[in-house]
Amino acid sequence: DSCEMEADPTGLDCDSDGHLDSCEIASDPAVDCDADGMLDSCQVASDPGLYDCDADAVLDSCQIANDPALYDCDSNGVLDSCEISADPAVVDCNGDGMLDICTIAVNPAADCDGNGQLDMCDIEADPSFDCNGDGSLDSCLIVDDPSFYDCDSNGQLDSCEMEADPTGLDCDSDGHLDSCEI
């Protein structure tokens, strides 16, 4: 058999199984998913962090090629799961297993202020960004409808100002700042 090492002792047998790599690939192309002429198992063994960051014995490049949206939503050539493992608080602040940048790409409203971070994570980091506790950044509510949310244009939700001083700012308790009713 020409695929035995005795037949061609100069041939490459990276996994030392006594069969030439070229013959293994010819009989089962799946063992070389990226078609570079090297057994995937040997690539992984040579530098697991480079070729298989999630340690599942499948080349990262092949996982990405098979389903880019599932494995690499930001198209940077690195498995999303590995990016998340490396720095979860920065790239997946809400811990849902999807890169925040991809969540925002699918749902831009999840980052109403356009700072590249999910609003829910902005609020978690600093609850004062949502003084009324409705889950929306106050700054975005004000931008959406300034006359309704911030009639005096001071950058604070009127409802929160009135909550802090209910009688001093809304003496007739009608839910509108007195200064805006004049």
C-alpha atoms as a PDB file:
ATOM      1  CA  ASP A   1       0.000   0.000   0.000  1.00  0.00           C
ATOM      2  CA  SER A   2       1.544   3.297  -1.089  1.00  0.00           C
ATOM      3  CA  CYS A   3       0.013   4.985   1.948  1.00  0.00           C
ATOM      4  CA  GLU A   4       2.130   3.058   4.425  1.00  0.00           C
ATOM      5  CA  MET A   5       5.243   4.766   5.719  1.00  0.00           C
ATOM      6  CA  GLU A   6       7.426   1.855   4.570  1.00  0.00           C
ATOM      7  CA  ALA A   7       6.447   2.650   0.989  1.00  0.00           C
ATOM      8  CA  ASP A   8       7.459   6.314   1.369  1.00  0.00           C
ATOM      9  CA  PRO A   9       9.561   6.888   4.494  1.00  0.00           C
ATOM     10  CA  THR A  10      10.097  10.556   3.499  1.00  0.00           C
ATOM     11  CA  GLY A  11       6.367  11.380   3.565  1.00  0.00           C
ATOM     12  CA  LEU A  12       4.692  13.409   6.286  1.00  0.00           C
ATOM     13  CA  ASP A  13       2.946  11.511   9.098  1.00  0.00           C
ATOM     14  CA  CYS A  14       2.319  14.248  11.644  1.00  0.00           C
ATOM     15  CA  ASP A  15       0.181  12.086  13.941  1.00  0.00           C
ATOM     16  CA  SER A  16       2.676   9.182  13.826  1.00  0.00           C
ATOM     17  CA  ASP A  17      -0.006   6.604  13.078  1.00  0.00           C
ATOM     18  CA  GLY A  18       1.987   4.929  10.289  1.00  0.00           C
ATOM     19  CA  HIS A  19      -0.186   6.429   7.513  1.00  0.00           C
ATOM     20  CA  LEU A  20       0.877   9.303   5.307  1.00  0.00           C
ATOM     21  CA  ASP A  21      -1.119  12.432   5.999  1.00  0.00           C
ATOM     22  CA  SER A  22      -1.797  12.886   2.291  1.00  0.00           C
ATOM     23  CA  CYS A  23      -3.389   9.433   2.141  1.00  0.00           C
ATOM     24  CA  GLU A  24      -5.480  10.034   5.266  1.00  0.00           C
ATOM     25  CA  ILE A  25      -6.744  13.282   3.740  1.00  0.00           C
ATOM     26  CA  ALA A  26      -7.426  11.602   0.378  1.00  0.00           C
ATOM     27  CA  SER A  27      -9.489   8.872   2.022  1.00  0.00           C
ATOM     28  CA  ASP A  28     -11.340  11.270   4.379  1.00  0.00           C
ATOM     29  CA  PRO A  29     -11.203  14.976   3.407  1.00  0.00           C
ATOM     30  CA  ALA A  30     -13.015  15.884   6.656  1.00  0.00           C
ATOM     31  CA  VAL A  31      -9.736  15.326   8.585  1.00  0.00           C
ATOM     32  CA  ASP A  32      -8.452  18.485   6.845  1.00  0.00           C
ATOM     33  CA  CYS A  33     -11.441  20.818   7.008  1.00  0.00           C
ATOM     34  CA  ASP A  34      -9.501  23.889   5.881  1.00  0.00           C
ATOM     35  CA  ALA A  35      -7.914  21.980   2.953  1.00  0.00           C
ATOM     36  CA  ASP A  36      -4.397  23.155   3.735  1.00  0.00           C
ATOM     37  CA  GLY A  37      -2.838  19.698   3.421  1.00  0.00           C
ATOM     38  CA  MET A  38      -2.271  19.274   7.152  1.00  0.00           C
ATOM     39  CA  LEU A  39      -4.401  17.087   9.400  1.00  0.00           C
ATOM     40  CA  ASP A  40      -6.589  19.243  11.613  1.00  0.00           C
ATOM     41  CA  SER A  41      -5.606  17.181  14.643  1.00  0.00           C
ATOM     42  CA  CYS A  42      -1.952  18.043  14.019  1.00  0.00           C
ATOM     43  CA  GLN A  43      -2.710  21.737  13.644  1.00  0.00           C
ATOM     44  CA  VAL A  44      -4.604  21.717  16.925  1.00  0.00           C
ATOM     45  CA  ALA A  45      -1.819  19.781  18.663  1.00  0.00           C
ATOM     46  CA  SER A  46       0.834  22.175  17.363  1.00  0.00           C
ATOM     47  CA  ASP A  47      -0.790  25.254  18.953  1.00  0.00           C
ATOM     48  CA  PRO A  48      -4.198  24.677  20.553  1.00  0.00           C
ATOM     49  CA  GLY A  49      -4.694  28.307  21.555  1.00  0.00           C
ATOM     50  CA  LEU A  50      -4.121  29.498  18.014  1.00  0.00           C
ATOM     51  CA  TYR A  51      -6.124  26.904  16.114  1.00  0.00           C
ATOM     52  CA  ASP A  52      -8.740  25.708  18.635  1.00  0.00           C
ATOM     53  CA  CYS A  53      -9.406  28.343  21.289  1.00  0.00           C
ATOM     54  CA  ASP A  54     -12.513  26.570  22.611  1.00  0.00           C
ATOM     55  CA  ALA A  55     -10.718  23.207  22.902  1.00  0.00           C
ATOM     56  CA  ASP A  56     -13.398  21.215  21.054  1.00  0.00           C
ATOM     57  CA  ALA A  57     -10.895  19.540  18.662  1.00  0.00           C
ATOM     58  CA  VAL A  58     -12.371  21.399  15.661  1.00  0.00           C
ATOM     59  CA  LEU A  59     -10.356  24.146  14.000  1.00  0.00           C
ATOM     60  CA  ASP A  60     -11.846  27.526  14.825  1.00  0.00           C
ATOM     61  CA  SER A  61     -11.505  28.594  11.195  1.00  0.00           C
ATOM     62  CA  CYS A  62     -13.652  25.652  10.117  1.00  0.00           C
ATOM     63  CA  GLN A  63     -16.332  26.353  12.704  1.00  0.00           C
ATOM     64  CA  ILE A  64     -16.481  29.945  11.483  1.00  0.00           C
ATOM     65  CA  ALA A  65     -16.538  28.888   7.815  1.00  0.00           C
ATOM     66  CA  ASN A  66     -19.414  26.467   8.470  1.00  0.00           C
ATOM     67  CA  ASP A  67     -21.610  29.029  10.266  1.00  0.00           C
ATOM     68  CA  PRO A  68     -20.142  32.523  10.547  1.00  0.00           C
ATOM     69  CA  ALA A  69     -23.242  34.068  12.134  1.00  0.00           C
ATOM     70  CA  LEU A  70     -23.283  31.474  14.900  1.00  0.00           C
ATOM     71  CA  TYR A  71     -19.562  31.354  15.663  1.00  0.00           C
ATOM     72  CA  ASP A  72     -18.187  34.800  14.728  1.00  0.00           C
ATOM     73  CA  CYS A  73     -20.940  37.405  14.634  1.00  0.00           C
ATOM     74  CA  ASP A  74     -18.496  40.323  14.491  1.00  0.00           C
ATOM     75  CA  SER A  75     -16.485  38.737  11.616  1.00  0.00           C
ATOM     76  CA  ASN A  76     -13.094  39.256  13.247  1.00  0.00           C
ATOM     77  CA  GLY A  77     -11.910  35.661  12.760  1.00  0.00           C
ATOM     78  CA  VAL A  78     -12.094  34.782  16.461  1.00  0.00           C
ATOM     79  CA  LEU A  79     -14.809  32.558  17.899  1.00  0.00           C
ATOM     80  CA  ASP A  80     -17.257  34.669  19.881  1.00  0.00           C
ATOM     81  CA  SER A  81     -17.175  32.129  22.716  1.00  0.00           C
ATOM     82  CA  CYS A  82     -13.421  32.638  23.048  1.00  0.00           C
ATOM     83  CA  GLU A  83     -13.744  36.421  23.043  1.00  0.00           C
ATOM     84  CA  ILE A  84     -16.335  36.127  25.801  1.00  0.00           C
ATOM     85  CA  SER A  85     -14.169  33.708  27.810  1.00  0.00           C
ATOM     86  CA  ALA A  86     -11.221  36.075  27.568  1.00  0.00           C
ATOM     87  CA  ASP A  87     -13.052  39.161  28.835  1.00  0.00           C
ATOM     88  CA  PRO A  88     -16.707  38.533  29.657  1.00  0.00           C
ATOM     89  CA  ALA A  89     -17.435  41.818  31.443  1.00  0.00           C
ATOM     90  CA  VAL A  90     -16.245  43.874  28.483  1.00  0.00           C
ATOM     91  CA  VAL A  91     -17.600  41.961  25.494  1.00  0.00           C
ATOM     92  CA  ASP A  92     -20.751  40.356  26.983  1.00  0.00           C
ATOM     93  CA  CYS A  93     -21.780  42.599  29.852  1.00  0.00           C
ATOM     94  CA  ASN A  94     -25.226  41.035  30.275  1.00  0.00           C
ATOM     95  CA  GLY A  95     -23.898  37.453  30.176  1.00  0.00           C
ATOM     96  CA  ASP A  96     -26.281  36.205  27.485  1.00  0.00           C
ATOM     97  CA  GLY A  97     -23.546  34.458  25.489  1.00  0.00           C
ATOM     98  CA  MET A  98     -23.717  36.931  22.593  1.00  0.00           C
ATOM     99  CA  LEU A  99     -21.157  39.666  22.026  1.00  0.00           C
ATOM    100  CA  ASP A 100     -22.670  43.018  22.973  1.00  0.00           C
ATOM    101  CA  ILE A 101     -21.592  44.481  19.641  1.00  0.00           C
ATOM    102  CA  CYS A 102     -23.661  41.811  17.885  1.00  0.00           C
ATOM    103  CA  THR A 103     -26.660  42.328  20.155  1.00  0.00           C
ATOM    104  CA  ILE A 104     -26.528  46.016  19.257  1.00  0.00           C
ATOM    105  CA  ALA A 105     -26.188  45.226  15.534  1.00  0.00           C
ATOM    106  CA  VAL A 106     -29.340  43.098  15.690  1.00  0.00           C
ATOM    107  CA  ASN A 107     -31.192  45.510  17.989  1.00  0.00           C
ATOM    108  CA  PRO A 108     -29.773  49.069  17.855  1.00  0.00           C
ATOM    109  CA  ALA A 109     -32.343  50.206  20.430  1.00  0.00           C
ATOM    110  CA  ALA A 110     -30.420  48.155  23.015  1.00  0.00           C
ATOM    111  CA  ASP A 111     -27.836  50.973  22.929  1.00  0.00           C
ATOM    112  CA  CYS A 112     -29.970  54.097  22.633  1.00  0.00           C
ATOM    113  CA  ASP A 113     -27.115  56.488  23.402  1.00  0.00           C
ATOM    114  CA  GLY A 114     -24.758  54.877  20.859  1.00  0.00           C
ATOM    115  CA  ASN A 115     -21.846  54.426  23.253  1.00  0.00           C
ATOM    116  CA  GLY A 116     -21.242  50.810  22.198  1.00  0.00           C
ATOM    117  CA  GLN A 117     -22.458  49.375  25.499  1.00  0.00           C
ATOM    118  CA  LEU A 118     -25.864  47.901  26.189  1.00  0.00           C
ATOM    119  CA  ASP A 119     -28.087  50.355  28.057  1.00  0.00           C
ATOM    120  CA  MET A 120     -28.918  47.708  30.653  1.00  0.00           C
ATOM    121  CA  CYS A 121     -25.209  47.430  31.435  1.00  0.00           C
ATOM    122  CA  ASP A 122     -24.800  51.210  31.620  1.00  0.00           C
ATOM    123  CA  ILE A 123     -27.609  51.235  34.183  1.00  0.00           C
ATOM    124  CA  GLU A 124     -26.145  48.296  36.101  1.00  0.00           C
ATOM    125  CA  ALA A 125     -22.797  50.089  36.293  1.00  0.00           C
ATOM    126  CA  ASP A 126     -24.436  53.350  37.410  1.00  0.00           C
ATOM    127  CA  PRO A 127     -28.090  53.171  38.484  1.00  0.00           C
ATOM    128  CA  SER A 128     -28.321  56.969  38.486  1.00  0.00           C
ATOM    129  CA  PHE A 129     -28.544  56.788  34.671  1.00  0.00           C
ATOM    130  CA  ASP A 130     -32.117  55.529  35.208  1.00  0.00           C
ATOM    131  CA  CYS A 131     -33.521  57.629  38.026  1.00  0.00           C
ATOM    132  CA  ASN A 132     -37.098  56.380  37.602  1.00  0.00           C
ATOM    133  CA  GLY A 133     -36.108  52.706  37.381  1.00  0.00           C
ATOM    134  CA  ASP A 134     -37.948  51.993  34.126  1.00  0.00           C
ATOM    135  CA  GLY A 135     -34.969  50.285  32.470  1.00  0.00           C
ATOM    136  CA  SER A 136     -34.359  53.119  29.998  1.00  0.00           C
ATOM    137  CA  LEU A 137     -31.502  55.577  30.110  1.00  0.00           C
ATOM    138  CA  ASP A 138     -32.869  58.941  31.226  1.00  0.00           C
ATOM    139  CA  SER A 139     -30.746  60.697  28.614  1.00  0.00           C
ATOM    140  CA  CYS A 140     -32.443  58.721  25.846  1.00  0.00           C
ATOM    141  CA  LEU A 141     -35.927  59.457  27.139  1.00  0.00           C
ATOM    142  CA  ILE A 142     -35.066  63.153  27.161  1.00  0.00           C
ATOM    143  CA  VAL A 143     -33.741  63.001  23.587  1.00  0.00           C
ATOM    144  CA  ASP A 144     -36.852  61.103  22.432  1.00  0.00           C
ATOM    145  CA  ASP A 145     -39.314  63.644  23.876  1.00  0.00           C
ATOM    146  CA  PRO A 146     -37.656  66.550  25.674  1.00  0.00           C
ATOM    147  CA  SER A 147     -40.844  68.544  26.280  1.00  0.00           C
ATOM    148  CA  PHE A 148     -42.482  65.575  27.999  1.00  0.00           C
ATOM    149  CA  TYR A 149     -39.535  64.222  29.993  1.00  0.00           C
ATOM    150  CA  ASP A 150     -37.492  67.372  30.688  1.00  0.00           C
ATOM    151  CA  CYS A 151     -39.604  70.477  30.176  1.00  0.00           C
ATOM    152  CA  ASP A 152     -37.088  72.754  31.917  1.00  0.00           C
ATOM    153  CA  SER A 153     -34.158  71.400  29.804  1.00  0.00           C
ATOM    154  CA  ASN A 154     -31.860  70.782  32.742  1.00  0.00           C
ATOM    155  CA  GLY A 155     -30.927  67.235  31.725  1.00  0.00           C
ATOM    156  CA  GLN A 156     -32.922  65.560  34.510  1.00  0.00           C
ATOM    157  CA  LEU A 157     -36.227  63.776  34.166  1.00  0.00           C
ATOM    158  CA  ASP A 158     -38.972  66.000  35.521  1.00  0.00           C
ATOM    159  CA  SER A 159     -40.556  63.008  37.256  1.00  0.00           C
ATOM    160  CA  CYS A 160     -37.369  62.367  39.213  1.00  0.00           C
ATOM    161  CA  GLU A 161     -36.992  66.010  40.155  1.00  0.00           C
ATOM    162  CA  MET A 162     -40.556  66.032  41.471  1.00  0.00           C
ATOM    163  CA  GLU A 163     -40.016  62.774  43.334  1.00  0.00           C
ATOM    164  CA  ALA A 164     -37.057  64.337  45.121  1.00  0.00           C
ATOM    165  CA  ASP A 165     -39.058  67.443  46.075  1.00  0.00           C
ATOM    166  CA  PRO A 166     -42.758  66.724  45.470  1.00  0.00           C
ATOM    167  CA  THR A 167     -44.257  69.901  46.896  1.00  0.00           C
ATOM    168  CA  GLY A 168     -41.553  72.402  46.045  1.00  0.00           C
ATOM    169  CA  LEU A 169     -41.489  71.697  42.298  1.00  0.00           C
ATOM    170  CA  ASP A 170     -45.103  70.660  41.655  1.00  0.00           C
ATOM    171  CA  CYS A 171     -47.213  72.550  44.155  1.00  0.00           C
ATOM    172  CA  ASP A 172     -50.533  71.503  42.590  1.00  0.00           C
ATOM    173  CA  SER A 173     -49.440  67.830  42.314  1.00  0.00           C
ATOM    174  CA  ASP A 174     -50.536  67.528  38.684  1.00  0.00           C
ATOM    175  CA  GLY A 175     -47.337  65.742  37.554  1.00  0.00           C
ATOM    176  CA  HIS A 176     -45.891  68.800  35.767  1.00  0.00           C
ATOM    177  CA  LEU A 177     -43.129  71.047  37.026  1.00  0.00           C
ATOM    178  CA  ASP A 178     -44.521  74.376  38.114  1.00  0.00           C
ATOM    179  CA  SER A 179     -41.744  76.161  36.229  1.00  0.00           C
ATOM    180  CA  CYS A 180     -43.002  74.632  32.978  1.00  0.00           C
ATOM    181  CA  GLU A 181     -46.641  75.543  33.604  1.00  0.00           C
ATOM    182  CA  ILE A 182     -45.973  79.233  33.899  1.00  0.00           C
END
